Amino acid sequence: MRVISSSTLREFWQTHTDAEQALRAWYAEVAAAIWTQPSEIKASYRTASLLGNGRVVFNIKGNRYRLVAAIHYEHQIVYVKFVGTHSQYDQIDAGSVDLK
């Protein structure tokens, strides 16, 4: 999968330094993946939440942080739409959130 945008991850871990290793690991795993359907994500990430419309919520660093992605299976692209703390996540609509 091609992950867009890694700069969003870097910006986040510059503020939340404890998330860097977990986000780098997530990025490496996703970049190496070939997903053609949501069930393949659940096979790798049991705690991921499938929201429909290609949206997936990943728990990062033992569920300390949340990452929302839009997955386009046919093009093998993962768009990072949000990464944040639980309190930040609680303030968004994960089904429609987009980077500013």
PDB file of N, CA and C in Angstrom:
ATOM      1  N   MET A   1       0.850  -1.174   0.000  1.00  0.00           N
ATOM      2  CA  MET A   1       0.000   0.000   0.000  1.00  0.00           C
ATOM      3  C   MET A   1       0.900   1.243   0.000  1.00  0.00           C
ATOM      4  N   ARG A   2       0.424   2.247  -0.654  1.00  0.00           N
ATOM      5  CA  ARG A   2       1.115   3.534  -0.621  1.00  0.00           C
ATOM      6  C   ARG A   2       0.435   4.401   0.436  1.00  0.00           C
ATOM      7  N   VAL A   3       1.193   4.907   1.382  1.00  0.00           N
ATOM      8  CA  VAL A   3       0.644   5.695   2.482  1.00  0.00           C
ATOM      9  C   VAL A   3       0.823   7.184   2.196  1.00  0.00           C
ATOM     10  N   ILE A   4      -0.282   7.899   2.244  1.00  0.00           N
ATOM     11  CA  ILE A   4      -0.284   9.349   2.054  1.00  0.00           C
ATOM     12  C   ILE A   4      -0.973   9.932   3.292  1.00  0.00           C
ATOM     13  N   SER A   5      -0.417  10.637   4.134  1.00  0.00           N
ATOM     14  CA  SER A   5       0.797  11.354   4.013  1.00  0.00           C
ATOM     15  C   SER A   5       1.653  11.067   5.247  1.00  0.00           C
ATOM     16  N   SER A   6       2.866  10.646   4.998  1.00  0.00           N
ATOM     17  CA  SER A   6       3.785  10.361   6.099  1.00  0.00           C
ATOM     18  C   SER A   6       4.169  11.634   6.850  1.00  0.00           C
ATOM     19  N   SER A   7       4.077  12.781   6.211  1.00  0.00           N
ATOM     20  CA  SER A   7       4.402  14.042   6.893  1.00  0.00           C
ATOM     21  C   SER A   7       3.424  14.307   8.038  1.00  0.00           C
ATOM     22  N   THR A   8       2.195  13.876   7.906  1.00  0.00           N
ATOM     23  CA  THR A   8       1.217  14.022   8.980  1.00  0.00           C
ATOM     24  C   THR A   8       1.656  13.231  10.203  1.00  0.00           C
ATOM     25  N   LEU A   9       2.180  12.031   9.965  1.00  0.00           N
ATOM     26  CA  LEU A   9       2.673  11.207  11.068  1.00  0.00           C
ATOM     27  C   LEU A   9       3.866  11.870  11.744  1.00  0.00           C
ATOM     28  N   ARG A  10       4.805  12.353  10.935  1.00  0.00           N
ATOM     29  CA  ARG A  10       5.992  13.023  11.486  1.00  0.00           C
ATOM     30  C   ARG A  10       5.612  14.245  12.322  1.00  0.00           C
ATOM     31  N   GLU A  11       4.697  15.051  11.817  1.00  0.00           N
ATOM     32  CA  GLU A  11       4.258  16.242  12.556  1.00  0.00           C
ATOM     33  C   GLU A  11       3.661  15.838  13.910  1.00  0.00           C
ATOM     34  N   PHE A  12       2.909  14.752  13.917  1.00  0.00           N
ATOM     35  CA  PHE A  12       2.293  14.313  15.164  1.00  0.00           C
ATOM     36  C   PHE A  12       3.341  13.847  16.163  1.00  0.00           C
ATOM     37  N   TRP A  13       4.288  13.028  15.707  1.00  0.00           N
ATOM     38  CA  TRP A  13       5.259  12.501  16.674  1.00  0.00           C
ATOM     39  C   TRP A  13       6.288  13.546  17.106  1.00  0.00           C
ATOM     40  N   GLN A  14       6.382  14.654  16.420  1.00  0.00           N
ATOM     41  CA  GLN A  14       7.239  15.735  16.905  1.00  0.00           C
ATOM     42  C   GLN A  14       6.667  16.339  18.187  1.00  0.00           C
ATOM     43  N   THR A  15       5.365  16.321  18.311  1.00  0.00           N
ATOM     44  CA  THR A  15       4.700  16.819  19.516  1.00  0.00           C
ATOM     45  C   THR A  15       4.516  15.708  20.549  1.00  0.00           C
ATOM     46  N   HIS A  16       4.209  14.495  20.078  1.00  0.00           N
ATOM     47  CA  HIS A  16       3.973  13.333  20.939  1.00  0.00           C
ATOM     48  C   HIS A  16       5.091  12.323  20.675  1.00  0.00           C
ATOM     49  N   THR A  17       6.249  12.593  21.239  1.00  0.00           N
ATOM     50  CA  THR A  17       7.451  11.811  20.926  1.00  0.00           C
ATOM     51  C   THR A  17       7.313  10.334  21.274  1.00  0.00           C
ATOM     52  N   ASP A  18       6.469  10.005  22.237  1.00  0.00           N
ATOM     53  CA  ASP A  18       6.283   8.600  22.597  1.00  0.00           C
ATOM     54  C   ASP A  18       5.552   7.816  21.516  1.00  0.00           C
ATOM     55  N   ALA A  19       4.952   8.495  20.554  1.00  0.00           N
ATOM     56  CA  ALA A  19       4.224   7.834  19.475  1.00  0.00           C
ATOM     57  C   ALA A  19       5.107   7.514  18.271  1.00  0.00           C
ATOM     58  N   GLU A  20       6.317   8.050  18.235  1.00  0.00           N
ATOM     59  CA  GLU A  20       7.153   7.901  17.040  1.00  0.00           C
ATOM     60  C   GLU A  20       7.391   6.448  16.658  1.00  0.00           C
ATOM     61  N   GLN A  21       7.853   5.638  17.574  1.00  0.00           N
ATOM     62  CA  GLN A  21       8.167   4.250  17.243  1.00  0.00           C
ATOM     63  C   GLN A  21       6.922   3.497  16.767  1.00  0.00           C
ATOM     64  N   ALA A  22       5.806   3.693  17.442  1.00  0.00           N
ATOM     65  CA  ALA A  22       4.568   3.007  17.066  1.00  0.00           C
ATOM     66  C   ALA A  22       4.077   3.451  15.689  1.00  0.00           C
ATOM     67  N   LEU A  23       4.171   4.740  15.399  1.00  0.00           N
ATOM     68  CA  LEU A  23       3.735   5.236  14.092  1.00  0.00           C
ATOM     69  C   LEU A  23       4.681   4.789  12.977  1.00  0.00           C
ATOM     70  N   ARG A  24       5.971   4.753  13.260  1.00  0.00           N
ATOM     71  CA  ARG A  24       6.920   4.237  12.263  1.00  0.00           C
ATOM     72  C   ARG A  24       6.638   2.758  11.971  1.00  0.00           C
ATOM     73  N   ALA A  25       6.337   1.986  13.007  1.00  0.00           N
ATOM     74  CA  ALA A  25       6.022   0.563  12.824  1.00  0.00           C
ATOM     75  C   ALA A  25       4.734   0.402  12.027  1.00  0.00           C
ATOM     76  N   TRP A  26       3.708   1.188  12.367  1.00  0.00           N
ATOM     77  CA  TRP A  26       2.445   1.132  11.626  1.00  0.00           C
ATOM     78  C   TRP A  26       2.689   1.453  10.148  1.00  0.00           C
ATOM     79  N   TYR A  27       3.430   2.525   9.890  1.00  0.00           N
ATOM     80  CA  TYR A  27       3.729   2.932   8.515  1.00  0.00           C
ATOM     81  C   TYR A  27       4.438   1.805   7.753  1.00  0.00           C
ATOM     82  N   ALA A  28       5.450   1.207   8.352  1.00  0.00           N
ATOM     83  CA  ALA A  28       6.206   0.141   7.682  1.00  0.00           C
ATOM     84  C   ALA A  28       5.311  -1.065   7.380  1.00  0.00           C
ATOM     85  N   GLU A  29       4.474  -1.436   8.334  1.00  0.00           N
ATOM     86  CA  GLU A  29       3.580  -2.576   8.129  1.00  0.00           C
ATOM     87  C   GLU A  29       2.562  -2.304   7.028  1.00  0.00           C
ATOM     88  N   VAL A  30       1.986  -1.119   7.051  1.00  0.00           N
ATOM     89  CA  VAL A  30       0.975  -0.771   6.052  1.00  0.00           C
ATOM     90  C   VAL A  30       1.614  -0.631   4.665  1.00  0.00           C
ATOM     91  N   ALA A  31       2.788  -0.028   4.599  1.00  0.00           N
ATOM     92  CA  ALA A  31       3.468   0.142   3.308  1.00  0.00           C
ATOM     93  C   ALA A  31       3.811  -1.212   2.678  1.00  0.00           C
ATOM     94  N   ALA A  32       4.034  -2.220   3.502  1.00  0.00           N
ATOM     95  CA  ALA A  32       4.370  -3.552   2.985  1.00  0.00           C
ATOM     96  C   ALA A  32       3.127  -4.399   2.688  1.00  0.00           C
ATOM     97  N   ALA A  33       1.971  -3.952   3.143  1.00  0.00           N
ATOM     98  CA  ALA A  33       0.734  -4.731   2.988  1.00  0.00           C
ATOM     99  C   ALA A  33       0.173  -4.621   1.579  1.00  0.00           C
ATOM    100  N   ILE A  34      -0.587  -5.641   1.227  1.00  0.00           N
ATOM    101  CA  ILE A  34      -1.394  -5.622  -0.001  1.00  0.00           C
ATOM    102  C   ILE A  34      -2.798  -6.024   0.423  1.00  0.00           C
ATOM    103  N   TRP A  35      -3.646  -5.031   0.637  1.00  0.00           N
ATOM    104  CA  TRP A  35      -5.011  -5.281   1.074  1.00  0.00           C
ATOM    105  C   TRP A  35      -5.970  -5.103  -0.090  1.00  0.00           C
ATOM    106  N   THR A  36      -6.860  -6.056  -0.255  1.00  0.00           N
ATOM    107  CA  THR A  36      -7.863  -5.955  -1.306  1.00  0.00           C
ATOM    108  C   THR A  36      -9.275  -5.855  -0.748  1.00  0.00           C
ATOM    109  N   GLN A  37      -9.400  -6.047   0.580  1.00  0.00           N
ATOM    110  CA  GLN A  37     -10.711  -5.956   1.215  1.00  0.00           C
ATOM    111  C   GLN A  37     -10.535  -5.724   2.725  1.00  0.00           C
ATOM    112  N   PRO A  38     -11.563  -5.201   3.373  1.00  0.00           N
ATOM    113  CA  PRO A  38     -11.460  -4.871   4.797  1.00  0.00           C
ATOM    114  C   PRO A  38     -11.104  -6.056   5.697  1.00  0.00           C
ATOM    115  N   SER A  39     -11.546  -7.235   5.374  1.00  0.00           N
ATOM    116  CA  SER A  39     -11.257  -8.395   6.230  1.00  0.00           C
ATOM    117  C   SER A  39      -9.753  -8.656   6.342  1.00  0.00           C
ATOM    118  N   GLU A  40      -8.993  -8.265   5.345  1.00  0.00           N
ATOM    119  CA  GLU A  40      -7.542  -8.439   5.400  1.00  0.00           C
ATOM    120  C   GLU A  40      -6.906  -7.482   6.415  1.00  0.00           C
ATOM    121  N   ILE A  41      -7.498  -6.329   6.577  1.00  0.00           N
ATOM    122  CA  ILE A  41      -7.023  -5.396   7.595  1.00  0.00           C
ATOM    123  C   ILE A  41      -7.300  -5.979   8.972  1.00  0.00           C
ATOM    124  N   LYS A  42      -8.514  -6.494   9.178  1.00  0.00           N
ATOM    125  CA  LYS A  42      -8.874  -7.075  10.467  1.00  0.00           C
ATOM    126  C   LYS A  42      -8.005  -8.280  10.800  1.00  0.00           C
ATOM    127  N   ALA A  43      -7.541  -9.005   9.809  1.00  0.00           N
ATOM    128  CA  ALA A  43      -6.661 -10.147  10.056  1.00  0.00           C
ATOM    129  C   ALA A  43      -5.323  -9.690  10.629  1.00  0.00           C
ATOM    130  N   SER A  44      -4.865  -8.517  10.215  1.00  0.00           N
ATOM    131  CA  SER A  44      -3.595  -7.973  10.704  1.00  0.00           C
ATOM    132  C   SER A  44      -3.766  -7.089  11.936  1.00  0.00           C
ATOM    133  N   TYR A  45      -4.875  -6.384  12.001  1.00  0.00           N
ATOM    134  CA  TYR A  45      -5.146  -5.427  13.080  1.00  0.00           C
ATOM    135  C   TYR A  45      -6.511  -5.741  13.684  1.00  0.00           C
ATOM    136  N   ARG A  46      -6.525  -6.657  14.613  1.00  0.00           N
ATOM    137  CA  ARG A  46      -7.791  -7.109  15.211  1.00  0.00           C
ATOM    138  C   ARG A  46      -8.563  -5.996  15.894  1.00  0.00           C
ATOM    139  N   THR A  47      -7.864  -5.013  16.431  1.00  0.00           N
ATOM    140  CA  THR A  47      -8.549  -3.935  17.146  1.00  0.00           C
ATOM    141  C   THR A  47      -8.951  -2.778  16.236  1.00  0.00           C
ATOM    142  N   ALA A  48      -8.638  -2.871  14.955  1.00  0.00           N
ATOM    143  CA  ALA A  48      -9.040  -1.808  14.026  1.00  0.00           C
ATOM    144  C   ALA A  48     -10.560  -1.799  13.904  1.00  0.00           C
ATOM    145  N   SER A  49     -11.109  -0.617  13.748  1.00  0.00           N
ATOM    146  CA  SER A  49     -12.556  -0.464  13.559  1.00  0.00           C
ATOM    147  C   SER A  49     -12.828  -0.115  12.107  1.00  0.00           C
ATOM    148  N   LEU A  50     -13.629  -0.926  11.453  1.00  0.00           N
ATOM    149  CA  LEU A  50     -14.017  -0.679  10.063  1.00  0.00           C
ATOM    150  C   LEU A  50     -15.292   0.147  10.079  1.00  0.00           C
ATOM    151  N   LEU A  51     -15.230   1.343   9.519  1.00  0.00           N
ATOM    152  CA  LEU A  51     -16.357   2.261   9.586  1.00  0.00           C
ATOM    153  C   LEU A  51     -17.238   2.247   8.347  1.00  0.00           C
ATOM    154  N   GLY A  52     -16.812   1.610   7.301  1.00  0.00           N
ATOM    155  CA  GLY A  52     -17.530   1.686   6.043  1.00  0.00           C
ATOM    156  C   GLY A  52     -16.961   2.798   5.188  1.00  0.00           C
ATOM    157  N   ASN A  53     -17.318   2.797   3.927  1.00  0.00           N
ATOM    158  CA  ASN A  53     -16.831   3.802   2.978  1.00  0.00           C
ATOM    159  C   ASN A  53     -15.301   3.876   2.963  1.00  0.00           C
ATOM    160  N   GLY A  54     -14.651   2.726   3.258  1.00  0.00           N
ATOM    161  CA  GLY A  54     -13.199   2.670   3.205  1.00  0.00           C
ATOM    162  C   GLY A  54     -12.488   3.255   4.402  1.00  0.00           C
ATOM    163  N   ARG A  55     -13.217   3.726   5.395  1.00  0.00           N
ATOM    164  CA  ARG A  55     -12.602   4.329   6.582  1.00  0.00           C
ATOM    165  C   ARG A  55     -12.272   3.261   7.617  1.00  0.00           C
ATOM    166  N   VAL A  56     -11.088   3.407   8.209  1.00  0.00           N
ATOM    167  CA  VAL A  56     -10.625   2.481   9.241  1.00  0.00           C
ATOM    168  C   VAL A  56      -9.992   3.297  10.360  1.00  0.00           C
ATOM    169  N   VAL A  57     -10.281   2.911  11.606  1.00  0.00           N
ATOM    170  CA  VAL A  57      -9.659   3.525  12.771  1.00  0.00           C
ATOM    171  C   VAL A  57      -8.666   2.519  13.341  1.00  0.00           C
ATOM    172  N   PHE A  58      -7.410   2.924  13.417  1.00  0.00           N
ATOM    173  CA  PHE A  58      -6.349   2.086  13.976  1.00  0.00           C
ATOM    174  C   PHE A  58      -6.000   2.589  15.369  1.00  0.00           C
ATOM    175  N   ASN A  59      -5.805   1.660  16.293  1.00  0.00           N
ATOM    176  CA  ASN A  59      -5.315   1.994  17.635  1.00  0.00           C
ATOM    177  C   ASN A  59      -3.797   1.979  17.583  1.00  0.00           C
ATOM    178  N   ILE A  60      -3.198   3.048  18.042  1.00  0.00           N
ATOM    179  CA  ILE A  60      -1.745   3.211  17.994  1.00  0.00           C
ATOM    180  C   ILE A  60      -1.193   3.258  19.424  1.00  0.00           C
ATOM    181  N   LYS A  61      -0.072   2.600  19.610  1.00  0.00           N
ATOM    182  CA  LYS A  61       0.624   2.574  20.904  1.00  0.00           C
ATOM    183  C   LYS A  61      -0.299   2.106  22.024  1.00  0.00           C
ATOM    184  N   GLY A  62      -0.799   0.871  21.854  1.00  0.00           N
ATOM    185  CA  GLY A  62      -1.635   0.288  22.896  1.00  0.00           C
ATOM    186  C   GLY A  62      -2.911   1.060  23.132  1.00  0.00           C
ATOM    187  N   ASN A  63      -3.468   1.627  22.078  1.00  0.00           N
ATOM    188  CA  ASN A  63      -4.718   2.375  22.111  1.00  0.00           C
ATOM    189  C   ASN A  63      -4.583   3.742  22.784  1.00  0.00           C
ATOM    190  N   ARG A  64      -3.360   4.227  22.912  1.00  0.00           N
ATOM    191  CA  ARG A  64      -3.157   5.567  23.474  1.00  0.00           C
ATOM    192  C   ARG A  64      -3.520   6.643  22.453  1.00  0.00           C
ATOM    193  N   TYR A  65      -3.296   6.337  21.172  1.00  0.00           N
ATOM    194  CA  TYR A  65      -3.589   7.268  20.087  1.00  0.00           C
ATOM    195  C   TYR A  65      -4.485   6.584  19.066  1.00  0.00           C
ATOM    196  N   ARG A  66      -5.119   7.390  18.247  1.00  0.00           N
ATOM    197  CA  ARG A  66      -5.985   6.873  17.185  1.00  0.00           C
ATOM    198  C   ARG A  66      -5.551   7.458  15.850  1.00  0.00           C
ATOM    199  N   LEU A  67      -5.648   6.636  14.825  1.00  0.00           N
ATOM    200  CA  LEU A  67      -5.331   7.051  13.464  1.00  0.00           C
ATOM    201  C   LEU A  67      -6.505   6.659  12.579  1.00  0.00           C
ATOM    202  N   VAL A  68      -7.031   7.616  11.845  1.00  0.00           N
ATOM    203  CA  VAL A  68      -8.134   7.365  10.910  1.00  0.00           C
ATOM    204  C   VAL A  68      -7.560   7.412   9.507  1.00  0.00           C
ATOM    205  N   ALA A  69      -7.867   6.382   8.736  1.00  0.00           N
ATOM    206  CA  ALA A  69      -7.380   6.315   7.356  1.00  0.00           C
ATOM    207  C   ALA A  69      -8.527   6.002   6.414  1.00  0.00           C
ATOM    208  N   ALA A  70      -8.397   6.493   5.205  1.00  0.00           N
ATOM    209  CA  ALA A  70      -9.313   6.135   4.117  1.00  0.00           C
ATOM    210  C   ALA A  70      -8.525   5.208   3.199  1.00  0.00           C
ATOM    211  N   ILE A  71      -9.065   4.035   2.938  1.00  0.00           N
ATOM    212  CA  ILE A  71      -8.364   3.028   2.154  1.00  0.00           C
ATOM    213  C   ILE A  71      -9.024   2.898   0.778  1.00  0.00           C
ATOM    214  N   HIS A  72      -8.198   2.984  -0.245  1.00  0.00           N
ATOM    215  CA  HIS A  72      -8.662   2.763  -1.620  1.00  0.00           C
ATOM    216  C   HIS A  72      -7.986   1.478  -2.105  1.00  0.00           C
ATOM    217  N   TYR A  73      -8.705   0.390  -1.938  1.00  0.00           N
ATOM    218  CA  TYR A  73      -8.152  -0.934  -2.215  1.00  0.00           C
ATOM    219  C   TYR A  73      -7.717  -1.103  -3.664  1.00  0.00           C
ATOM    220  N   GLU A  74      -8.538  -0.620  -4.593  1.00  0.00           N
ATOM    221  CA  GLU A  74      -8.235  -0.818  -6.015  1.00  0.00           C
ATOM    222  C   GLU A  74      -6.968  -0.099  -6.446  1.00  0.00           C
ATOM    223  N   HIS A  75      -6.630   0.989  -5.790  1.00  0.00           N
ATOM    224  CA  HIS A  75      -5.417   1.749  -6.118  1.00  0.00           C
ATOM    225  C   HIS A  75      -4.279   1.501  -5.134  1.00  0.00           C
ATOM    226  N   GLN A  76      -4.551   0.709  -4.090  1.00  0.00           N
ATOM    227  CA  GLN A  76      -3.551   0.373  -3.069  1.00  0.00           C
ATOM    228  C   GLN A  76      -2.995   1.627  -2.388  1.00  0.00           C
ATOM    229  N   ILE A  77      -3.920   2.505  -1.976  1.00  0.00           N
ATOM    230  CA  ILE A  77      -3.531   3.750  -1.320  1.00  0.00           C
ATOM    231  C   ILE A  77      -4.227   3.863   0.035  1.00  0.00           C
ATOM    232  N   VAL A  78      -3.471   4.280   1.039  1.00  0.00           N
ATOM    233  CA  VAL A  78      -3.990   4.564   2.368  1.00  0.00           C
ATOM    234  C   VAL A  78      -3.775   6.053   2.626  1.00  0.00           C
ATOM    235  N   TYR A  79      -4.860   6.780   2.789  1.00  0.00           N
ATOM    236  CA  TYR A  79      -4.797   8.207   3.076  1.00  0.00           C
ATOM    237  C   TYR A  79      -4.966   8.415   4.575  1.00  0.00           C
ATOM    238  N   VAL A  80      -3.960   8.975   5.228  1.00  0.00           N
ATOM    239  CA  VAL A  80      -4.075   9.307   6.642  1.00  0.00           C
ATOM    240  C   VAL A  80      -4.952  10.548   6.745  1.00  0.00           C
ATOM    241  N   LYS A  81      -6.078  10.404   7.435  1.00  0.00           N
ATOM    242  CA  LYS A  81      -7.023  11.513   7.573  1.00  0.00           C
ATOM    243  C   LYS A  81      -6.944  12.195   8.925  1.00  0.00           C
ATOM    244  N   PHE A  82      -6.459  11.457   9.925  1.00  0.00           N
ATOM    245  CA  PHE A  82      -6.388  12.008  11.274  1.00  0.00           C
ATOM    246  C   PHE A  82      -5.458  11.139  12.095  1.00  0.00           C
ATOM    247  N   VAL A  83      -4.671  11.763  12.954  1.00  0.00           N
ATOM    248  CA  VAL A  83      -3.929  11.062  13.994  1.00  0.00           C
ATOM    249  C   VAL A  83      -3.970  11.954  15.219  1.00  0.00           C
ATOM    250  N   GLY A  84      -4.343  11.374  16.357  1.00  0.00           N
ATOM    251  CA  GLY A  84      -4.464  12.196  17.550  1.00  0.00           C
ATOM    252  C   GLY A  84      -4.680  11.385  18.804  1.00  0.00           C
ATOM    253  N   THR A  85      -4.836  12.096  19.888  1.00  0.00           N
ATOM    254  CA  THR A  85      -5.101  11.485  21.181  1.00  0.00           C
ATOM    255  C   THR A  85      -6.566  11.058  21.235  1.00  0.00           C
ATOM    256  N   HIS A  86      -6.913  10.311  22.277  1.00  0.00           N
ATOM    257  CA  HIS A  86      -8.310   9.905  22.442  1.00  0.00           C
ATOM    258  C   HIS A  86      -9.227  11.114  22.593  1.00  0.00           C
ATOM    259  N   SER A  87      -8.802  12.100  23.353  1.00  0.00           N
ATOM    260  CA  SER A  87      -9.670  13.271  23.540  1.00  0.00           C
ATOM    261  C   SER A  87      -9.850  14.030  22.222  1.00  0.00           C
ATOM    262  N   GLN A  88      -8.811  14.107  21.407  1.00  0.00           N
ATOM    263  CA  GLN A  88      -8.948  14.731  20.091  1.00  0.00           C
ATOM    264  C   GLN A  88      -9.854  13.895  19.195  1.00  0.00           C
ATOM    265  N   TYR A  89      -9.699  12.587  19.261  1.00  0.00           N
ATOM    266  CA  TYR A  89     -10.532  11.683  18.458  1.00  0.00           C
ATOM    267  C   TYR A  89     -12.008  11.830  18.830  1.00  0.00           C
ATOM    268  N   ASP A  90     -12.287  11.986  20.105  1.00  0.00           N
ATOM    269  CA  ASP A  90     -13.670  12.123  20.567  1.00  0.00           C
ATOM    270  C   ASP A  90     -14.343  13.373  20.015  1.00  0.00           C
ATOM    271  N   GLN A  91     -13.582  14.325  19.524  1.00  0.00           N
ATOM    272  CA  GLN A  91     -14.129  15.579  19.017  1.00  0.00           C
ATOM    273  C   GLN A  91     -14.356  15.586  17.508  1.00  0.00           C
ATOM    274  N   ILE A  92     -14.044  14.475  16.840  1.00  0.00           N
ATOM    275  CA  ILE A  92     -14.177  14.443  15.371  1.00  0.00           C
ATOM    276  C   ILE A  92     -15.231  13.430  14.948  1.00  0.00           C
ATOM    277  N   ASP A  93     -15.625  13.513  13.694  1.00  0.00           N
ATOM    278  CA  ASP A  93     -16.449  12.484  13.065  1.00  0.00           C
ATOM    279  C   ASP A  93     -15.495  11.661  12.203  1.00  0.00           C
ATOM    280  N   ALA A  94     -15.137  10.472  12.666  1.00  0.00           N
ATOM    281  CA  ALA A  94     -14.156   9.648  11.978  1.00  0.00           C
ATOM    282  C   ALA A  94     -14.578   9.269  10.571  1.00  0.00           C
ATOM    283  N   GLY A  95     -15.872   9.287  10.308  1.00  0.00           N
ATOM    284  CA  GLY A  95     -16.363   8.946   8.982  1.00  0.00           C
ATOM    285  C   GLY A  95     -16.199  10.032   7.945  1.00  0.00           C
ATOM    286  N   SER A  96     -15.907  11.251   8.401  1.00  0.00           N
ATOM    287  CA  SER A  96     -15.777  12.348   7.432  1.00  0.00           C
ATOM    288  C   SER A  96     -14.577  13.245   7.668  1.00  0.00           C
ATOM    289  N   VAL A  97     -13.825  13.017   8.736  1.00  0.00           N
ATOM    290  CA  VAL A  97     -12.683  13.880   9.036  1.00  0.00           C
ATOM    291  C   VAL A  97     -11.699  13.899   7.880  1.00  0.00           C
ATOM    292  N   ASP A  98     -11.079  15.052   7.665  1.00  0.00           N
ATOM    293  CA  ASP A  98     -10.085  15.195   6.611  1.00  0.00           C
ATOM    294  C   ASP A  98      -8.982  16.107   7.137  1.00  0.00           C
ATOM    295  N   LEU A  99      -7.811  15.968   6.578  1.00  0.00           N
ATOM    296  CA  LEU A  99      -6.702  16.837   6.972  1.00  0.00           C
ATOM    297  C   LEU A  99      -7.005  18.266   6.596  1.00  0.00           C
ATOM    298  N   LYS A 100      -6.532  19.176   7.415  1.00  0.00           N
ATOM    299  CA  LYS A 100      -6.783  20.614   7.139  1.00  0.00           C
ATOM    300  C   LYS A 100      -5.668  21.178   6.329  1.00  0.00           C
TER     301      LYS A 100
END
